């Protein structure tokens, strides 16, 4: 209970500030409607109307909670209004892009650590690739693949991979270079081959760095997938829900989709954290 108390306190403070902000940001519409109807509102009536608008500027927490409940439990899973359906579409592209990006990051990191030419040539380009805004890249990727007749999951997965490979690359390079000179000299004194040094020293040393970067990468992959859904005119996915909500001024729908995406990202990070705990414990790197 003591551990949960600080978290609950912060959460309560956020909710209070959120309600105050919703009341303030939605008050202009209430005042305008009351003036048109020549109506005088009490404070209670005024606050109640700011928190119950159909299309508020800032939805109140209970409105977002209701939108989440309706999207998750109030619809069939196959319904186009179901957040589970849209979440699965986004999740499938996220996992595909995360797998591609992570594999690319690991392979490039191994090459960079073992080859000086790759270190001097590939690493600068990898850094430069992250300076281009993903909002500029996503439409080009979608258009290029669409012109080739490729739509759906794969283009979104490529965008997700673009964002996810760099954290894995940097973390893996750092991890593979963790062994110090004394450890490397000890392996040489045992006449260990390059493969043995990699599998028995470099790779185990890189595991904590790898899992830390994977947590960042999976969240980045989710962001990339949602961004990839926006310019594609997609009809499914959390990005599509955000887009349709913005078209029709459905702010509650937008916030519900945002919270669903945040919950999905948190779940993915927790799964990787659990895998990390089990893996490091079996390798003797953690208790």
Protein backbone atom coordinates (compact mmCIF):
# COMPACT_ATOMS: atom_id res chain seq x y z
CA UNK A 1 0.00 0.00 0.00
CA UNK A 2 2.87 2.37 0.79
CA UNK A 3 4.35 1.79 -2.67
CA UNK A 4 1.02 2.48 -4.36
CA UNK A 5 0.27 5.65 -2.38
CA UNK A 6 2.64 7.98 -4.30
CA UNK A 7 1.33 6.66 -7.62
CA UNK A 8 -2.29 7.12 -6.56
CA UNK A 9 -1.52 10.63 -5.27
CA UNK A 10 0.01 11.69 -8.58
CA UNK A 11 -2.88 10.08 -10.49
CA UNK A 12 -5.43 11.93 -8.35
CA UNK A 13 -3.60 15.22 -8.92
CA UNK A 14 -3.60 14.63 -12.69
CA UNK A 15 -7.34 13.91 -12.67
CA UNK A 16 -8.10 17.05 -10.66
CA UNK A 17 -6.01 19.23 -12.99
CA UNK A 18 -7.63 17.53 -15.98
CA UNK A 19 -11.16 18.32 -14.71
CA UNK A 20 -10.18 21.93 -14.06
CA UNK A 21 -8.66 22.24 -17.53
CA UNK A 22 -11.73 20.65 -19.14
CA UNK A 23 -14.01 23.07 -17.31
CA UNK A 24 -11.96 26.06 -18.42
CA UNK A 25 -11.48 25.02 -22.05
CA UNK A 26 -15.13 24.04 -22.57
CA UNK A 27 -16.58 27.10 -20.81
CA UNK A 28 -16.66 29.37 -23.87
CA UNK A 29 -19.23 27.20 -25.65
CA UNK A 30 -21.42 27.01 -22.53
CA UNK A 31 -21.34 30.79 -22.08
CA UNK A 32 -22.19 31.30 -25.75
CA UNK A 33 -25.14 28.92 -25.61
CA UNK A 34 -26.42 30.47 -22.38
CA UNK A 35 -26.17 33.97 -23.88
CA UNK A 36 -28.10 32.94 -26.97
CA UNK A 37 -30.87 31.42 -24.85
CA UNK A 38 -30.79 34.42 -22.47
CA UNK A 39 -30.30 31.91 -19.64
CA UNK A 40 -28.64 32.41 -16.28
CA UNK A 41 -26.74 29.39 -15.03
CA UNK A 42 -25.75 28.52 -11.52
CA UNK A 43 -22.15 27.45 -10.88
CA UNK A 44 -23.21 23.83 -10.63
CA UNK A 45 -25.12 23.95 -13.89
CA UNK A 46 -22.26 25.74 -15.62
CA UNK A 47 -19.66 23.16 -14.51
CA UNK A 48 -21.97 20.25 -15.33
CA UNK A 49 -22.49 21.49 -18.89
CA UNK A 50 -18.78 22.01 -19.48
CA UNK A 51 -18.18 18.36 -18.53
CA UNK A 52 -21.02 16.79 -20.54
CA UNK A 53 -20.62 18.28 -24.03
CA UNK A 54 -20.94 15.94 -27.01
CA UNK A 55 -17.93 17.46 -28.77
CA UNK A 56 -15.84 19.14 -26.08
CA UNK A 57 -12.58 20.91 -26.75
CA UNK A 58 -11.06 18.82 -23.96
CA UNK A 59 -13.04 15.75 -22.87
CA UNK A 60 -13.36 15.14 -19.15
CA UNK A 61 -11.78 11.97 -17.68
CA UNK A 62 -15.15 10.26 -17.26
CA UNK A 63 -15.99 10.93 -20.92
CA UNK A 64 -12.73 9.36 -22.06
CA UNK A 65 -13.30 6.41 -19.72
CA UNK A 66 -16.78 5.92 -21.20
CA UNK A 67 -15.35 6.14 -24.72
CA UNK A 68 -12.78 3.46 -23.84
CA UNK A 69 -15.44 1.24 -22.28
CA UNK A 70 -17.76 1.61 -25.27
CA UNK A 71 -14.90 0.89 -27.67
CA UNK A 72 -13.65 -2.16 -25.79
CA UNK A 73 -16.64 -3.79 -24.12
CA UNK A 74 -19.55 -2.10 -25.87
CA UNK A 75 -18.81 -3.40 -29.37
CA UNK A 76 -18.26 -6.75 -31.03
CA UNK A 77 -14.57 -7.47 -31.60
CA UNK A 78 -15.17 -7.54 -35.37
CA UNK A 79 -17.00 -4.20 -35.35
CA UNK A 80 -15.35 -1.26 -37.10
CA UNK A 81 -16.04 0.74 -33.93
CA UNK A 82 -14.26 -1.70 -31.65
CA UNK A 83 -10.95 -0.51 -30.22
CA UNK A 84 -9.90 -4.14 -29.90
CA UNK A 85 -10.32 -4.59 -33.66
CA UNK A 86 -8.41 -1.40 -34.45
CA UNK A 87 -5.81 -2.19 -31.78
CA UNK A 88 -5.15 -5.59 -33.34
CA UNK A 89 -4.62 -4.04 -36.78
CA UNK A 90 -2.11 -1.59 -35.31
CA UNK A 91 -0.48 -4.28 -33.15
CA UNK A 92 0.12 -6.64 -36.08
CA UNK A 93 1.98 -3.98 -38.07
CA UNK A 94 3.84 -2.86 -34.93
CA UNK A 95 5.11 -6.36 -34.18
CA UNK A 96 6.14 -6.93 -37.79
CA UNK A 97 8.02 -3.63 -37.92
CA UNK A 98 9.54 -4.23 -34.48
CA UNK A 99 10.84 -7.63 -35.59
CA UNK A 100 12.32 -6.23 -38.81
CA UNK A 101 13.85 -3.21 -37.09
CA UNK A 102 15.27 -5.20 -34.17
CA UNK A 103 16.83 -7.81 -36.45
CA UNK A 104 18.34 -5.10 -38.66
CA UNK A 105 19.66 -3.24 -35.61
CA UNK A 106 21.27 -6.34 -34.12
CA UNK A 107 22.89 -7.44 -37.39
CA UNK A 108 24.23 -3.95 -38.11
CA UNK A 109 25.56 -3.68 -34.55
CA UNK A 110 27.44 -6.97 -34.89
CA UNK A 111 28.94 -5.79 -38.17
CA UNK A 112 29.90 -2.38 -36.76
CA UNK A 113 31.63 -3.89 -33.74
CA UNK A 114 33.60 -6.42 -35.79
CA UNK A 115 34.35 -4.33 -38.87
CA UNK A 116 36.00 -0.92 -38.70
CA UNK A 117 34.87 -0.01 -42.22
CA UNK A 118 31.23 -0.57 -41.26
CA UNK A 119 31.74 1.43 -38.08
CA UNK A 120 32.96 4.43 -40.05
CA UNK A 121 30.47 4.11 -42.91
CA UNK A 122 27.20 2.65 -41.57
CA UNK A 123 26.97 4.37 -38.18
CA UNK A 124 26.95 7.96 -39.55
CA UNK A 125 24.23 7.03 -42.02
CA UNK A 126 22.21 5.37 -39.25
CA UNK A 127 22.42 8.57 -37.21
CA UNK A 128 21.52 10.70 -40.24
CA UNK A 129 18.47 8.53 -40.95
CA UNK A 130 16.95 9.60 -37.65
CA UNK A 131 17.26 13.31 -38.40
CA UNK A 132 14.60 13.11 -41.13
CA UNK A 133 11.11 13.65 -39.60
CA UNK A 134 9.00 10.51 -39.79
CA UNK A 135 6.04 12.66 -40.86
CA UNK A 136 7.99 13.45 -44.05
CA UNK A 137 9.05 9.85 -44.67
CA UNK A 138 5.72 8.13 -44.02
CA UNK A 139 3.77 9.59 -46.99
CA UNK A 140 6.65 8.81 -49.37
CA UNK A 141 6.85 5.20 -48.17
CA UNK A 142 3.09 4.74 -48.48
CA UNK A 143 3.00 6.27 -52.00
CA UNK A 144 5.99 4.27 -53.27
CA UNK A 145 4.62 0.95 -52.05
CA UNK A 146 1.09 1.79 -53.23
CA UNK A 147 2.44 2.51 -56.74
CA UNK A 148 3.94 -0.98 -56.67
CA UNK A 149 0.59 -2.43 -55.62
CA UNK A 150 1.68 -3.11 -52.03
CA UNK A 151 -0.72 -1.85 -49.37
CA UNK A 152 -1.86 -2.89 -45.95
CA UNK A 153 0.47 -4.16 -43.25
CA UNK A 154 3.86 -4.14 -44.99
CA UNK A 155 4.28 -0.38 -45.67
CA UNK A 156 3.30 0.41 -42.08
CA UNK A 157 5.73 -2.22 -40.83
CA UNK A 158 8.56 -0.60 -42.80
CA UNK A 159 7.82 2.77 -41.18
CA UNK A 160 7.73 1.11 -37.76
CA UNK A 161 11.04 -0.63 -38.51
CA UNK A 162 12.57 2.70 -39.55
CA UNK A 163 11.93 4.11 -36.08
CA UNK A 164 12.72 0.97 -34.09
CA UNK A 165 16.05 -0.15 -35.58
CA UNK A 166 18.11 2.82 -34.32
CA UNK A 167 17.59 2.32 -30.55
CA UNK A 168 18.45 -1.36 -30.95
CA UNK A 169 21.51 -0.52 -33.03
CA UNK A 170 22.88 1.98 -30.51
CA UNK A 171 22.11 -0.18 -27.48
CA UNK A 172 23.56 -3.32 -29.04
CA UNK A 173 26.76 -1.55 -30.15
CA UNK A 174 27.22 -0.22 -26.62
CA UNK A 175 26.56 -3.64 -25.12
CA UNK A 176 28.88 -5.54 -27.46
CA UNK A 177 31.67 -3.10 -26.61
CA UNK A 178 31.14 -3.43 -22.86
CA UNK A 179 33.86 -6.08 -22.23
CA UNK A 180 37.06 -4.33 -21.16
CA UNK A 181 40.63 -5.00 -22.32
CA UNK A 182 41.36 -7.37 -19.41
CA UNK A 183 38.41 -9.60 -20.30
CA UNK A 184 39.42 -9.62 -23.98
CA UNK A 185 43.03 -10.47 -23.08
CA UNK A 186 41.80 -13.31 -20.89
CA UNK A 187 39.80 -14.77 -23.80
CA UNK A 188 42.86 -14.52 -26.03
CA UNK A 189 44.99 -16.27 -23.42
CA UNK A 190 42.55 -19.15 -23.66
CA UNK A 191 42.99 -19.15 -27.46
CA UNK A 192 39.32 -18.37 -27.93
CA UNK A 193 38.17 -17.86 -31.49
CA UNK A 194 36.27 -14.78 -32.65
CA UNK A 195 33.01 -16.72 -32.53
CA UNK A 196 33.71 -17.93 -28.99
CA UNK A 197 34.51 -14.39 -27.85
CA UNK A 198 31.21 -13.23 -29.36
CA UNK A 199 28.96 -15.96 -27.97
CA UNK A 200 30.56 -16.32 -24.54
CA UNK A 201 31.62 -12.77 -23.74
CA UNK A 202 30.26 -10.02 -25.98
CA UNK A 203 26.71 -11.30 -26.43
CA UNK A 204 26.02 -12.04 -22.71
CA UNK A 205 27.49 -8.65 -21.79
CA UNK A 206 25.16 -6.92 -24.27
CA UNK A 207 21.90 -8.45 -22.99
CA UNK A 208 20.99 -5.72 -20.44
CA UNK A 209 21.65 -3.04 -23.08
CA UNK A 210 19.70 -4.96 -25.71
CA UNK A 211 16.57 -5.34 -23.61
CA UNK A 212 16.69 -1.69 -22.54
CA UNK A 213 16.83 -0.64 -26.19
CA UNK A 214 14.08 -3.11 -27.15
CA UNK A 215 11.70 -1.38 -24.73
CA UNK A 216 12.36 1.94 -26.45
CA UNK A 217 12.17 0.34 -29.88
CA UNK A 218 8.77 -1.31 -29.40
CA UNK A 219 7.23 1.99 -28.29
CA UNK A 220 8.82 3.72 -31.27
CA UNK A 221 7.48 1.00 -33.57
CA UNK A 222 3.95 1.64 -32.30
CA UNK A 223 4.35 5.36 -32.97
CA UNK A 224 5.65 4.58 -36.47
CA UNK A 225 2.69 2.34 -37.22
CA UNK A 226 0.16 4.96 -36.12
CA UNK A 227 1.95 7.64 -38.15
CA UNK A 228 1.95 5.27 -41.13
CA UNK A 229 -1.82 4.85 -40.84
CA UNK A 230 -2.49 8.59 -41.02
CA UNK A 231 -1.45 9.41 -44.63
CA UNK A 232 -2.64 6.08 -45.99
CA UNK A 233 -6.33 6.83 -45.68
CA UNK A 234 -6.57 3.64 -43.63
CA UNK A 235 -9.98 2.48 -42.47
CA UNK A 236 -8.62 0.27 -39.70
CA UNK A 237 -6.10 0.81 -36.92
CA UNK A 238 -5.76 3.25 -34.05
CA UNK A 239 -4.34 5.82 -36.46
CA UNK A 240 -7.49 5.54 -38.53
CA UNK A 241 -9.58 6.16 -35.41
CA UNK A 242 -7.54 9.27 -34.66
CA UNK A 243 -7.96 10.47 -38.23
CA UNK A 244 -11.72 9.90 -38.42
CA UNK A 245 -12.15 11.51 -35.02
CA UNK A 246 -10.31 14.63 -36.19
CA UNK A 247 -12.38 14.77 -39.41
CA UNK A 248 -15.70 14.76 -37.55
CA UNK A 249 -14.65 16.64 -34.43
CA UNK A 250 -15.10 13.59 -32.20
CA UNK A 251 -12.60 14.52 -29.53
CA UNK A 252 -13.74 11.77 -27.17
CA UNK A 253 -12.98 9.22 -29.90
CA UNK A 254 -9.53 10.77 -30.39
CA UNK A 255 -8.66 10.62 -26.70
CA UNK A 256 -10.01 7.08 -26.34
CA UNK A 257 -7.79 5.95 -29.22
CA UNK A 258 -4.81 7.75 -27.67
CA UNK A 259 -5.32 6.01 -24.34
CA UNK A 260 -5.76 2.67 -26.10
CA UNK A 261 -2.44 3.22 -27.89
CA UNK A 262 -0.75 4.16 -24.60
CA UNK A 263 -2.12 1.04 -22.91
CA UNK A 264 -0.93 -1.09 -25.84
CA UNK A 265 2.56 0.40 -25.64
CA UNK A 266 2.68 -0.15 -21.88
CA UNK A 267 1.64 -3.79 -22.31
CA UNK A 268 4.33 -4.40 -24.94
CA UNK A 269 7.03 -2.83 -22.74
CA UNK A 270 5.89 -4.92 -19.77
CA UNK A 271 6.06 -8.11 -21.85
CA UNK A 272 9.62 -7.29 -22.93
CA UNK A 273 10.48 -6.49 -19.31
CA UNK A 274 9.19 -9.89 -18.23
CA UNK A 275 11.18 -11.64 -20.96
CA UNK A 276 14.23 -9.65 -19.87
CA UNK A 277 13.86 -10.79 -16.25
CA UNK A 278 13.54 -14.45 -17.19
CA UNK A 279 16.38 -14.32 -19.72
CA UNK A 280 18.87 -12.51 -17.50
CA UNK A 281 18.02 -14.75 -14.57
CA UNK A 282 18.68 -17.89 -16.59
CA UNK A 283 21.95 -16.41 -17.85
CA UNK A 284 22.98 -15.64 -14.28
CA UNK A 285 23.03 -11.89 -14.91
CA UNK A 286 20.19 -11.06 -12.52
CA UNK A 287 18.64 -12.40 -9.34
